[in-house]
Protein backbone atom coordinates (compact mmCIF):
# COMPACT_ATOMS: atom_id res chain seq x y z
CA MET A 1 87.83 84.36 123.74
CA SER A 2 88.13 83.23 127.31
CA THR A 3 85.51 85.32 129.51
CA LYS A 4 87.96 86.18 131.98
CA ASP A 5 89.28 88.52 129.37
CA TRP A 6 86.31 90.50 130.24
CA ILE A 7 87.59 91.40 133.59
CA GLU A 8 91.29 91.16 133.06
CA LYS A 9 91.84 92.84 129.59
CA ASP A 10 91.36 96.33 128.97
CA PHE A 11 89.91 96.36 125.54
CA TYR A 12 89.62 100.20 125.19
CA LYS A 13 93.34 100.24 125.84
CA VAL A 14 94.11 97.58 123.31
CA LEU A 15 92.49 99.42 120.50
CA GLY A 16 93.80 102.96 121.64
CA VAL A 17 90.43 104.41 122.44
CA SER A 18 88.66 105.92 125.37
CA LYS A 19 85.90 104.22 127.36
CA ASP A 20 82.97 106.51 125.80
CA ALA A 21 84.46 106.06 122.14
CA LYS A 22 81.65 105.97 119.50
CA PRO A 23 81.15 102.92 117.47
CA GLU A 24 82.68 104.57 114.44
CA GLU A 25 85.93 105.25 116.60
CA ILE A 26 86.25 101.95 117.61
CA LYS A 27 85.73 100.51 113.90
CA LYS A 28 88.34 102.98 112.69
CA ALA A 29 90.98 102.26 115.28
CA TYR A 30 90.28 98.15 114.69
CA ARG A 31 90.40 98.59 110.84
CA LYS A 32 94.07 100.44 111.15
CA LEU A 33 95.41 98.10 113.90
CA ALA A 34 94.33 94.85 112.03
CA ARG A 35 95.62 96.11 108.83
CA ASP A 36 99.03 96.90 110.15
CA ASN A 37 99.23 93.87 112.07
CA HIS A 38 97.66 91.33 109.79
CA PRO A 39 99.84 88.08 109.62
CA ASP A 40 99.62 88.56 105.72
CA GLN A 41 101.41 91.88 106.30
CA ASN A 42 103.82 90.64 108.87
CA PRO A 43 105.15 87.15 107.83
CA GLY A 44 107.13 85.42 110.52
CA ASN A 45 106.54 88.29 112.99
CA PRO A 46 104.98 86.42 115.94
CA ALA A 47 104.58 89.85 117.74
CA ALA A 48 102.34 91.43 115.19
CA GLU A 49 100.48 88.20 115.11
CA GLN A 50 99.63 88.35 118.51
CA ARG A 51 98.82 92.02 118.32
CA PHE A 52 96.40 91.29 115.58
CA LYS A 53 94.58 88.33 117.84
CA ASP A 54 94.30 90.83 120.58
CA VAL A 55 92.99 93.54 118.49
CA SER A 56 90.42 91.28 117.10
CA GLU A 57 89.54 90.04 120.47
CA ALA A 58 88.79 93.60 121.61
CA ASN A 59 86.86 94.45 118.78
CA ASP A 60 84.51 91.26 119.10
CA VAL A 61 83.23 92.63 122.21
CA LEU A 62 83.48 96.46 121.86
CA SER A 63 81.85 96.57 118.21
CA HIS A 64 78.65 94.82 119.84
CA THR A 65 76.22 97.06 121.64
CA GLU A 66 75.23 94.10 124.29
CA LYS A 67 78.72 92.75 124.58
CA ARG A 68 80.15 96.07 125.45
CA LYS A 69 77.25 96.98 127.76
CA GLU A 70 77.88 93.68 129.66
CA TYR A 71 81.51 94.15 129.36
CA ASP A 72 81.59 97.62 130.96
CA GLU A 73 79.17 96.50 133.66
CA ALA A 74 81.60 93.31 134.37
CA ARG A 75 84.45 95.83 134.70
CA ARG A 76 82.58 98.42 136.79
CA LEU A 77 81.40 95.59 139.23
CA PHE A 78 84.49 93.28 139.64
CA GLY A 79 87.52 95.15 137.83
CA GLY A 80 88.18 97.09 140.87
CA GLY A 81 88.21 94.38 143.41
CA GLY A 82 85.11 95.47 144.97
CA PHE A 83 83.60 92.05 145.06
CA ARG A 84 85.46 89.03 146.23
CA PHE A 85 84.78 85.49 146.45
CA PRO A 86 86.21 83.17 149.39
CA GLY A 87 89.70 82.23 148.43
CA SER A 88 90.21 84.68 145.48
CA ASN A 89 92.16 87.62 145.08
CA GLY A 90 89.95 90.44 143.81
CA GLY A 91 88.74 89.56 140.17
CA GLY A 92 91.38 87.18 139.81
CA ARG A 93 91.93 83.35 140.44
CA GLY A 94 93.20 82.93 144.44
CA GLN A 95 94.45 79.65 145.72
CA GLY A 96 91.96 77.06 145.47
CA GLY A 97 88.96 79.70 144.57
CA PRO A 98 86.96 80.18 141.41
CA SER A 99 88.08 82.56 138.59
CA MET A 100 86.14 85.11 136.89
CA GLU A 101 86.00 82.96 133.81
CA ASP A 102 84.44 80.12 135.68
CA LEU A 103 81.80 82.60 137.53
CA PHE A 104 80.49 83.67 134.08
CA ARG A 105 80.52 80.28 132.62
CA ASN A 106 78.23 79.03 135.56
CA ALA A 107 76.12 81.95 135.30
CA GLY A 108 74.41 81.41 132.32
CA GLY A 109 76.67 80.18 129.62
CA ALA A 110 78.64 82.25 127.27
CA ALA A 111 79.22 85.90 128.71
CA GLY A 112 78.31 87.12 125.20
CA ASP A 113 75.00 85.24 125.51
CA ALA A 114 73.95 85.86 128.98
CA GLY A 115 73.19 89.30 130.87
CA LEU A 116 74.30 90.17 134.24
CA GLY A 117 70.88 89.73 135.40
CA ASP A 118 71.32 86.04 134.96
CA LEU A 119 74.66 86.31 136.83
CA PHE A 120 73.08 87.95 139.89
CA GLY A 121 70.12 85.59 139.72
CA GLY A 122 72.38 82.47 140.29
CA LEU A 123 74.23 84.17 142.94
CA PHE A 124 71.31 85.63 145.53
CA GLY A 125 68.06 83.98 146.01
CA GLN A 126 64.66 85.57 145.55
CA ASN A 127 62.54 86.41 148.65
CA GLY A 128 64.86 84.73 150.97
CA GLN A 129 64.79 81.68 149.12
CA THR A 130 68.01 79.90 147.91
CA ARG A 131 68.35 79.64 144.28
CA THR A 132 70.44 76.32 143.21
CA ARG A 133 71.86 75.09 139.85
CA THR A 134 70.63 71.42 139.47
CA SER A 135 72.23 70.78 136.04
CA THR A 136 75.04 68.35 136.19
CA THR A 137 76.35 68.86 132.73
CA ARG A 138 77.59 72.21 131.01
CA GLY A 139 75.42 73.38 128.18
CA PRO A 140 75.99 74.33 124.81
CA ARG A 141 77.97 77.55 124.12
CA ARG A 142 77.93 79.41 121.09
CA GLY A 143 81.28 80.31 119.45
CA SER A 144 82.61 83.85 119.10
CA ASP A 145 82.15 85.85 116.08
CA VAL A 146 85.17 86.57 114.25
CA GLU A 147 86.00 89.72 112.07
CA GLY A 148 88.57 90.12 109.22
CA GLU A 149 89.47 92.24 106.26
CA VAL A 150 90.11 91.72 102.48
CA THR A 151 91.07 93.95 99.67
CA VAL A 152 89.74 93.27 96.01
CA ASP A 153 90.36 94.94 92.78
CA PHE A 154 87.72 97.27 91.47
CA THR A 155 86.66 95.00 88.66
CA ASP A 156 86.37 92.06 91.14
CA SER A 157 84.18 94.30 93.37
CA ILE A 158 81.51 94.67 90.44
CA GLN A 159 81.67 91.17 89.13
CA GLY A 160 82.22 89.30 92.21
CA VAL A 161 85.06 87.03 93.48
CA THR A 162 86.10 84.31 95.79
CA VAL A 163 89.50 84.96 97.70
CA PRO A 164 91.21 83.11 100.43
CA MET A 165 91.46 84.49 103.92
CA GLN A 166 93.14 83.60 107.05
CA MET A 167 90.99 83.28 110.00
CA VAL A 168 92.01 83.38 113.58
CA SER A 169 89.59 81.89 116.16
CA ASP A 170 88.78 80.19 119.27
CA ALA A 171 88.41 76.50 118.93
CA ALA A 172 88.38 73.20 120.89
CA CYS A 173 92.12 71.95 121.82
CA ASP A 174 93.18 69.76 119.37
CA ALA A 175 94.91 67.72 121.85
CA CYS A 176 92.27 67.14 124.30
CA HIS A 177 89.48 67.71 122.25
CA GLY A 178 88.11 70.32 124.39
CA THR A 179 87.63 68.11 127.62
CA GLY A 180 90.65 70.17 129.43
CA ALA A 181 92.10 66.76 130.52
CA LYS A 182 95.34 64.85 128.99
CA ALA A 183 94.96 62.26 126.44
CA GLY A 184 94.08 59.12 127.75
CA THR A 185 92.28 60.62 130.64
CA VAL A 186 88.85 62.29 131.35
CA PRO A 187 87.39 64.67 133.79
CA LYS A 188 85.66 63.28 136.55
CA VAL A 189 82.54 64.60 138.53
CA CYS A 190 83.42 67.06 141.35
CA PRO A 191 82.24 65.26 144.63
CA THR A 192 82.06 68.73 146.12
CA CYS A 193 79.37 70.06 144.56
CA GLU A 194 78.10 66.67 142.64
CA GLY A 195 78.69 68.31 139.17
CA SER A 196 76.64 71.42 139.73
CA GLY A 197 79.55 73.81 139.84
CA MET A 198 77.80 75.85 142.59
CA GLN A 199 77.81 76.09 146.27
CA THR A 200 75.46 77.49 148.70
CA SER A 201 76.99 79.15 152.20
CA ALA A 202 75.23 81.36 154.59
CA ALA A 203 76.26 84.88 154.24
CA GLY A 204 74.33 86.43 157.30
CA GLY A 205 71.29 88.46 157.32
CA VAL A 206 68.09 87.25 155.45
CA PHE A 207 69.76 85.58 152.28
CA ALA A 208 72.31 82.87 151.43
CA VAL A 209 75.05 83.34 148.63
CA THR A 210 75.37 80.77 145.78
CA GLU A 211 78.78 80.82 144.50
CA PRO A 212 80.96 78.88 142.23
CA CYS A 213 82.28 75.82 143.86
CA ARG A 214 85.87 76.29 145.18
CA ASP A 215 87.20 72.83 144.13
CA CYS A 216 86.14 72.59 140.71
CA ARG A 217 86.09 76.48 140.08
CA GLY A 218 82.49 76.44 138.86
CA ARG A 219 82.90 73.87 136.15
CA GLY A 220 81.24 70.87 137.65
CA MET A 221 84.17 68.67 136.49
CA VAL A 222 87.50 68.28 138.14
CA VAL A 223 90.63 67.68 135.65
CA GLU A 224 93.18 65.59 137.66
CA ASP A 225 95.68 65.47 134.76
CA PRO A 226 95.40 68.83 132.50
CA CYS A 227 96.21 68.88 128.99
CA PRO A 228 99.76 70.04 128.39
CA ILE A 229 98.66 72.08 125.48
CA CYS A 230 95.86 74.28 126.69
CA HIS A 231 96.57 73.71 130.38
CA GLY A 232 93.24 72.50 131.25
CA SER A 233 91.08 75.17 129.50
CA GLY A 234 89.87 72.95 126.81
CA ARG A 235 90.12 75.85 124.20
CA ALA A 236 93.01 76.96 121.67
CA ARG A 237 93.77 79.37 118.89
CA SER A 238 92.99 78.11 115.47
CA THR A 239 94.25 79.70 112.69
CA ARG A 240 92.81 78.05 109.29
CA THR A 241 92.49 79.61 105.84
CA MET A 242 88.82 79.52 104.12
CA GLN A 243 87.60 80.61 100.93
CA VAL A 244 85.16 83.51 100.99
CA ARG A 245 82.88 84.64 98.30
CA ILE A 246 82.37 88.39 97.68
CA PRO A 247 79.25 89.10 95.98
CA ALA A 248 78.89 91.08 92.86
CA GLY A 249 78.33 94.79 93.58
CA VAL A 250 80.13 95.10 96.90
CA THR A 251 81.00 98.45 97.94
CA ASP A 252 84.33 99.91 99.88
CA GLY A 253 83.82 99.32 103.51
CA GLN A 254 80.89 97.08 103.29
CA ARG A 255 80.73 94.56 105.88
CA ILE A 256 79.69 91.05 104.88
CA ARG A 257 78.18 88.28 107.24
CA LEU A 258 78.53 84.80 106.96
CA LYS A 259 76.76 82.99 109.39
CA GLY A 260 78.13 79.77 110.84
CA LYS A 261 81.56 80.57 109.82
CA GLY A 262 83.35 82.11 113.04
CA GLY A 263 84.69 80.48 115.91
CA ALA A 264 83.53 76.83 116.92
CA GLY A 265 80.78 76.27 119.65
CA GLU A 266 81.40 74.24 122.66
CA ASN A 267 79.19 71.34 123.85
CA GLY A 268 77.31 71.21 120.81
CA GLY A 269 77.05 75.00 120.60
CA ALA A 270 76.66 76.75 117.41
CA ALA A 271 79.36 78.13 115.68
CA GLY A 272 79.75 82.19 115.58
CA ASP A 273 79.51 84.30 112.52
CA LEU A 274 82.65 85.55 110.33
CA TYR A 275 82.32 89.35 109.38
CA VAL A 276 84.31 90.39 106.41
CA VAL A 277 85.13 94.13 105.77
CA VAL A 278 85.77 94.55 102.05
CA HIS A 279 88.13 97.26 100.92
CA VAL A 280 87.93 98.22 97.35
CA SER A 281 91.09 99.34 95.28
CA GLN A 282 90.60 102.19 92.76
CA HIS A 283 90.40 101.89 88.89
CA ALA A 284 92.57 103.41 86.64
CA ILE A 285 89.67 105.19 84.64
CA PHE A 286 86.04 104.01 86.14
CA GLY A 287 84.49 105.14 89.08
CA ARG A 288 81.17 104.42 91.16
CA LYS A 289 78.22 106.22 91.84
CA ALA A 290 75.63 104.04 93.74
CA ASP A 291 74.73 101.33 91.01
CA ASN A 292 76.30 103.15 88.31
CA LEU A 293 79.85 103.30 86.75
CA THR A 294 81.48 106.59 85.80
CA LEU A 295 83.98 107.27 83.08
CA THR A 296 85.51 110.64 81.93
CA ALA A 297 85.95 110.52 77.97
CA PRO A 298 88.07 113.26 76.28
CA VAL A 299 86.82 114.83 72.93
CA THR A 300 88.18 117.37 70.57
CA PHE A 301 86.88 120.78 70.06
CA ASN A 302 85.64 119.73 66.57
CA GLU A 303 84.08 116.67 67.79
CA ALA A 304 82.16 118.81 70.64
CA ALA A 305 81.15 121.47 68.30
CA LEU A 306 80.17 119.58 65.31
CA GLY A 307 78.82 116.36 66.84
CA ALA A 308 80.33 112.99 66.48
CA GLU A 309 80.01 109.39 67.11
CA ILE A 310 82.69 108.16 69.49
CA GLU A 311 83.66 104.97 71.25
CA VAL A 312 83.91 104.43 75.11
CA PRO A 313 84.95 101.52 76.69
CA THR A 314 82.98 99.41 79.21
CA LEU A 315 84.03 97.30 82.38
CA ASP A 316 82.37 93.99 81.23
CA GLY A 317 83.18 93.67 77.57
CA GLY A 318 84.04 95.48 74.40
CA PRO A 319 83.67 99.18 73.65
CA VAL A 320 80.24 100.98 72.81
CA LYS A 321 79.36 103.80 70.67
CA LEU A 322 78.24 107.04 71.91
CA ARG A 323 76.65 109.76 69.97
CA VAL A 324 77.88 113.22 70.93
CA PRO A 325 75.26 116.06 69.78
CA GLN A 326 76.67 119.01 68.18
CA GLY A 327 77.29 121.95 70.32
CA THR A 328 78.04 119.67 73.32
CA PRO A 329 79.44 121.61 76.13
CA ASN A 330 82.36 120.66 78.26
CA GLY A 331 81.15 118.44 81.48
CA ARG A 332 77.98 116.99 79.88
CA THR A 333 77.15 113.77 81.18
CA PHE A 334 75.53 110.59 78.70
CA ARG A 335 74.05 107.61 79.96
CA VAL A 336 74.83 103.96 78.48
CA ARG A 337 72.39 101.63 79.85
CA GLY A 338 72.86 98.22 81.31
CA LYS A 339 76.78 98.84 81.76
CA GLY A 340 76.78 99.61 85.38
CA VAL A 341 76.83 97.69 88.65
CA THR A 342 74.81 94.47 89.27
CA LYS A 343 72.11 95.33 91.46
CA ARG A 344 70.30 93.21 94.49
CA ASP A 345 67.34 92.26 92.46
CA GLY A 346 69.65 91.10 89.51
CA GLY A 347 69.46 94.16 87.21
CA LYS A 348 72.17 96.38 86.53
CA GLY A 349 72.86 100.01 86.64
CA ASP A 350 74.18 102.43 83.83
CA LEU A 351 77.48 103.68 82.62
CA LEU A 352 77.81 107.38 83.00
CA VAL A 353 80.08 109.05 80.39
CA THR A 354 81.12 112.85 80.95
CA VAL A 355 82.98 114.30 78.24
CA GLU A 356 85.86 116.59 78.64
CA VAL A 357 86.72 119.06 75.72
CA VAL A 358 90.29 118.74 74.74
CA VAL A 359 92.08 122.28 74.18
CA PRO A 360 95.30 121.90 71.85
CA GLN A 361 98.17 122.83 73.73
CA SER A 362 99.99 124.34 70.62
CA LEU A 363 98.92 125.45 67.26
CA ASN A 364 100.80 125.55 64.12
CA GLU A 365 100.19 128.55 61.95
CA GLN A 366 97.53 127.11 59.77
CA ALA A 367 95.35 126.04 62.73
CA ARG A 368 95.88 129.57 64.17
CA GLU A 369 94.63 131.38 61.24
CA ALA A 370 91.81 128.90 60.94
CA LEU A 371 90.77 129.52 64.52
CA THR A 372 90.95 133.23 63.82
CA SER A 373 88.71 133.20 60.93
CA TYR A 374 86.39 131.02 62.78
CA GLY A 375 86.02 133.55 65.68
CA GLU A 376 85.53 136.27 62.86
CA ALA A 377 82.81 134.15 61.10
CA VAL A 378 81.17 133.34 64.61
CA GLY A 379 81.07 136.91 65.72
CA ALA A 380 80.06 135.62 69.13
CA GLY A 381 81.30 138.64 71.03
CA ASN A 382 82.46 138.69 74.76
CA PRO A 383 80.80 135.41 76.57
CA ARG A 384 81.97 136.95 79.73
CA ALA A 385 79.93 140.59 79.33
CA ARG A 386 77.11 139.26 81.58
CA LEU A 387 79.50 138.63 84.58
CA PHE A 388 79.98 142.10 84.53
CA ALA A 389 76.79 143.26 84.00
CA ARG A 390 75.59 141.30 87.23
CA THR A 391 77.96 143.43 89.51
CA THR A 392 76.50 146.75 89.15
């Protein structure tokens, strides 16, 4: 993501949230927009694809506390045009003047890695002393973090699965290999700043101001013949499909971090990370409670009253036998050990089976007489009598 987006784009507006939105609001808004505009859901729709890229950029900044803090501060300082550089128009790129992207790039690396203190440390000297930049080369920049979503079946979430995932990230331009110069040409060291990317000028008062070089816009290099693909930026959007391993036991909504699988770095910088939000589809009969699987098993009145040995299905194999004791009430839960979810330590949770007594919908004459005889033989009386006794 170009750092000038921190100034020129309103990420809050992109996600449709307020500037004081809580992290969970931002997360919820991003998930909905990313799901609605994902390229897999909108094949051949360039508008939806661009929208997906925009919300991914916005979430990359607003979902990280430090990045969001720096973004808010940068917007407050520069977004309103309250600070101007010679030859620029407010926060944008003026004729011959440095852009916001160039300012941040030369004030300490990627905006996500350097704080605003580094920015002002490069602009103003301390105790009347001018602070200059002596490096003649741009340092390494870490690649951006990328976040995506996948939906897996319930069974796959329990057992683990590898799924293909389309990833959109910022990478070096394939045409110029990140130099920003047209193929067959190379950037030249800026003669004005001699490759430092900064200029020092008197601002009046007791201090001098160090600002990005106007000729190279703070890059230290001059591109005389820009790359026609990236227009001299050296960066481009990259879309690729990669295989992502979803570990066994993942829960619905869990966020998995894959280190070094995000956007590519610049100048030898490390790649960013890939964050995958997993959504789990519901199962027809099984549910989940922590590391245990749940199942509701119907039993007949006779089985519950007289006791029985029944069979119940498991998720990872054949059926298992379960002993239902005599006089089992409706809603009682039994535990089948080791037939649940794989735990972090390699162990397994249990299968929790809740019995549900099935009441016949219709009875023939013989069954009706048998139940009537049963009631007379048991002589249980009125089981609701205690309810009335407690109301007096």
